[in-house]
Amino acid sequence: MMLTAAIVTAAVLGVTKVVRDWLILRHVRAAMDAGTPEDRVRIGMRLAEALGGRPGPPPAGPDGDG
C-alpha cells in the first residue's frame, strides 16, 4: 500500500512539473513572438541563465539601461 502511494505521488508530481514547464514555455514563446529583437535577446539570455547557462550582464535596453 505504501509503495503504491509513493508511486502515485511521484507520478502526480512528475505530471505537475511537465504541465508547469509547458505553461512557462508557452508564455516565453508568446513574449518572444510579441517582442522586439532586443526583447528577444533579453528573454533568451534570462531563459538561458535560468536553465543553468553562464550568467552574464544583460544587454543594454533601448534607453541604455541593463
N, C-alpha and C. Protein backbone atom coordinates (compact mmCIF):
# COMPACT_ATOMS: atom_id res chain seq x y z
N MET A 1 0.82 -1.20 0.00
CA MET A 1 0.00 0.00 0.00
C MET A 1 0.87 1.27 0.00
N MET A 2 1.91 1.27 0.83
CA MET A 2 2.79 2.44 0.89
C MET A 2 3.54 2.64 -0.43
N LEU A 3 3.94 1.53 -1.04
CA LEU A 3 4.65 1.63 -2.31
C LEU A 3 3.74 2.21 -3.39
N THR A 4 2.50 1.79 -3.41
CA THR A 4 1.54 2.31 -4.38
C THR A 4 1.34 3.81 -4.18
N ALA A 5 1.22 4.23 -2.92
CA ALA A 5 1.05 5.65 -2.62
C ALA A 5 2.27 6.45 -3.06
N ALA A 6 3.45 5.90 -2.85
CA ALA A 6 4.69 6.59 -3.26
C ALA A 6 4.76 6.72 -4.78
N ILE A 7 4.37 5.66 -5.49
CA ILE A 7 4.41 5.69 -6.95
C ILE A 7 3.40 6.69 -7.49
N VAL A 8 2.21 6.68 -6.93
CA VAL A 8 1.18 7.63 -7.38
C VAL A 8 1.61 9.06 -7.10
N THR A 9 2.19 9.31 -5.93
CA THR A 9 2.66 10.65 -5.59
C THR A 9 3.75 11.10 -6.56
N ALA A 10 4.70 10.23 -6.86
CA ALA A 10 5.77 10.58 -7.80
C ALA A 10 5.20 10.86 -9.18
N ALA A 11 4.23 10.08 -9.61
CA ALA A 11 3.63 10.30 -10.92
C ALA A 11 2.90 11.64 -10.98
N VAL A 12 2.15 11.95 -9.94
CA VAL A 12 1.42 13.22 -9.91
C VAL A 12 2.39 14.40 -9.92
N LEU A 13 3.46 14.30 -9.13
CA LEU A 13 4.45 15.38 -9.10
C LEU A 13 5.14 15.53 -10.45
N GLY A 14 5.42 14.42 -11.12
CA GLY A 14 6.05 14.48 -12.43
C GLY A 14 5.14 15.13 -13.46
N VAL A 15 3.89 14.76 -13.47
CA VAL A 15 2.93 15.37 -14.41
C VAL A 15 2.77 16.86 -14.11
N THR A 16 2.72 17.21 -12.84
CA THR A 16 2.59 18.62 -12.45
C THR A 16 3.77 19.43 -12.98
N LYS A 17 4.99 18.89 -12.85
CA LYS A 17 6.17 19.60 -13.33
C LYS A 17 6.14 19.78 -14.85
N VAL A 18 5.73 18.74 -15.56
CA VAL A 18 5.65 18.83 -17.02
C VAL A 18 4.64 19.89 -17.44
N VAL A 19 3.49 19.93 -16.79
CA VAL A 19 2.46 20.92 -17.13
C VAL A 19 2.97 22.32 -16.81
N ARG A 20 3.63 22.49 -15.67
CA ARG A 20 4.16 23.81 -15.30
C ARG A 20 5.20 24.27 -16.31
N ASP A 21 6.11 23.38 -16.70
CA ASP A 21 7.14 23.75 -17.67
C ASP A 21 6.51 24.10 -19.02
N TRP A 22 5.49 23.36 -19.43
CA TRP A 22 4.82 23.64 -20.69
C TRP A 22 4.17 25.02 -20.65
N LEU A 23 3.53 25.37 -19.53
CA LEU A 23 2.91 26.69 -19.42
C LEU A 23 3.95 27.80 -19.45
N ILE A 24 5.07 27.59 -18.78
CA ILE A 24 6.14 28.60 -18.79
C ILE A 24 6.65 28.79 -20.22
N LEU A 25 6.92 27.70 -20.92
CA LEU A 25 7.42 27.82 -22.28
C LEU A 25 6.40 28.44 -23.22
N ARG A 26 5.14 28.20 -22.99
CA ARG A 26 4.09 28.84 -23.80
C ARG A 26 4.12 30.36 -23.62
N HIS A 27 4.31 30.81 -22.37
CA HIS A 27 4.38 32.24 -22.11
C HIS A 27 5.66 32.85 -22.70
N VAL A 28 6.76 32.11 -22.62
CA VAL A 28 8.01 32.59 -23.21
C VAL A 28 7.85 32.74 -24.72
N ARG A 29 7.24 31.75 -25.36
CA ARG A 29 7.04 31.83 -26.81
C ARG A 29 6.17 33.02 -27.18
N ALA A 30 5.11 33.26 -26.42
CA ALA A 30 4.23 34.40 -26.70
C ALA A 30 4.99 35.71 -26.54
N ALA A 31 5.82 35.80 -25.52
CA ALA A 31 6.61 37.02 -25.32
C ALA A 31 7.63 37.20 -26.44
N MET A 32 8.23 36.11 -26.88
CA MET A 32 9.21 36.21 -27.97
C MET A 32 8.53 36.65 -29.27
N ASP A 33 7.34 36.12 -29.54
CA ASP A 33 6.62 36.48 -30.76
C ASP A 33 6.17 37.93 -30.75
N ALA A 34 5.83 38.46 -29.58
CA ALA A 34 5.30 39.81 -29.49
C ALA A 34 6.39 40.86 -29.28
N GLY A 35 7.59 40.43 -28.94
CA GLY A 35 8.63 41.39 -28.58
C GLY A 35 9.45 41.89 -29.75
N THR A 36 10.23 42.92 -29.46
CA THR A 36 11.18 43.45 -30.43
C THR A 36 12.41 42.54 -30.45
N PRO A 37 13.29 42.71 -31.41
CA PRO A 37 14.51 41.90 -31.41
C PRO A 37 15.32 42.05 -30.12
N GLU A 38 15.35 43.25 -29.55
CA GLU A 38 16.07 43.46 -28.29
C GLU A 38 15.40 42.69 -27.15
N ASP A 39 14.06 42.69 -27.16
CA ASP A 39 13.34 41.93 -26.14
C ASP A 39 13.64 40.44 -26.26
N ARG A 40 13.73 39.96 -27.48
CA ARG A 40 14.01 38.54 -27.70
C ARG A 40 15.38 38.17 -27.15
N VAL A 41 16.35 39.04 -27.35
CA VAL A 41 17.70 38.77 -26.83
C VAL A 41 17.66 38.73 -25.31
N ARG A 42 17.00 39.71 -24.69
CA ARG A 42 16.92 39.74 -23.23
C ARG A 42 16.20 38.51 -22.69
N ILE A 43 15.09 38.14 -23.32
CA ILE A 43 14.34 36.97 -22.88
C ILE A 43 15.21 35.71 -23.03
N GLY A 44 15.88 35.58 -24.15
CA GLY A 44 16.74 34.41 -24.37
C GLY A 44 17.86 34.32 -23.36
N MET A 45 18.47 35.45 -23.03
CA MET A 45 19.55 35.43 -22.05
C MET A 45 19.04 35.07 -20.66
N ARG A 46 17.89 35.61 -20.29
CA ARG A 46 17.32 35.28 -18.98
C ARG A 46 16.91 33.82 -18.92
N LEU A 47 16.38 33.30 -20.02
CA LEU A 47 15.98 31.90 -20.06
C LEU A 47 17.20 31.00 -19.97
N ALA A 48 18.26 31.33 -20.70
CA ALA A 48 19.48 30.54 -20.65
C ALA A 48 20.08 30.54 -19.24
N GLU A 49 20.07 31.69 -18.59
CA GLU A 49 20.59 31.77 -17.23
C GLU A 49 19.73 30.93 -16.28
N ALA A 50 18.42 30.99 -16.45
CA ALA A 50 17.52 30.22 -15.59
C ALA A 50 17.71 28.72 -15.80
N LEU A 51 18.08 28.33 -17.01
CA LEU A 51 18.27 26.91 -17.31
C LEU A 51 19.68 26.44 -17.00
N GLY A 52 20.49 27.30 -16.40
CA GLY A 52 21.82 26.89 -15.99
C GLY A 52 22.93 27.33 -16.91
N GLY A 53 22.62 28.24 -17.80
CA GLY A 53 23.67 28.76 -18.68
C GLY A 53 24.59 29.71 -17.93
N ARG A 54 25.61 30.15 -18.60
CA ARG A 54 26.58 31.05 -17.99
C ARG A 54 25.94 32.41 -17.78
N PRO A 55 25.91 32.90 -16.54
CA PRO A 55 25.33 34.23 -16.31
C PRO A 55 26.22 35.32 -16.87
N GLY A 56 25.61 36.35 -17.31
CA GLY A 56 26.35 37.47 -17.85
C GLY A 56 25.53 38.72 -17.69
N PRO A 57 26.12 39.87 -18.01
CA PRO A 57 25.34 41.09 -17.88
C PRO A 57 24.24 41.14 -18.92
N PRO A 58 23.09 41.68 -18.55
CA PRO A 58 22.02 41.76 -19.54
C PRO A 58 22.37 42.79 -20.61
N PRO A 59 21.89 42.60 -21.84
CA PRO A 59 22.19 43.57 -22.89
C PRO A 59 21.51 44.90 -22.56
N ALA A 60 22.11 45.96 -23.04
CA ALA A 60 21.54 47.28 -22.80
C ALA A 60 20.22 47.43 -23.54
N GLY A 61 19.27 48.04 -22.88
CA GLY A 61 17.97 48.29 -23.49
C GLY A 61 18.04 49.49 -24.43
N PRO A 62 16.92 49.83 -25.05
CA PRO A 62 16.90 50.95 -25.98
C PRO A 62 17.28 52.28 -25.32
N ASP A 63 17.00 52.41 -24.03
CA ASP A 63 17.34 53.66 -23.34
C ASP A 63 18.69 53.57 -22.64
N GLY A 64 19.45 52.48 -22.87
CA GLY A 64 20.81 52.37 -22.35
C GLY A 64 20.91 51.65 -21.02
N ASP A 65 19.78 51.29 -20.39
CA ASP A 65 19.88 50.59 -19.11
C ASP A 65 19.96 49.08 -19.35
N GLY A 66 20.39 48.35 -18.30
CA GLY A 66 20.61 46.90 -18.44
C GLY A 66 19.43 46.08 -18.16
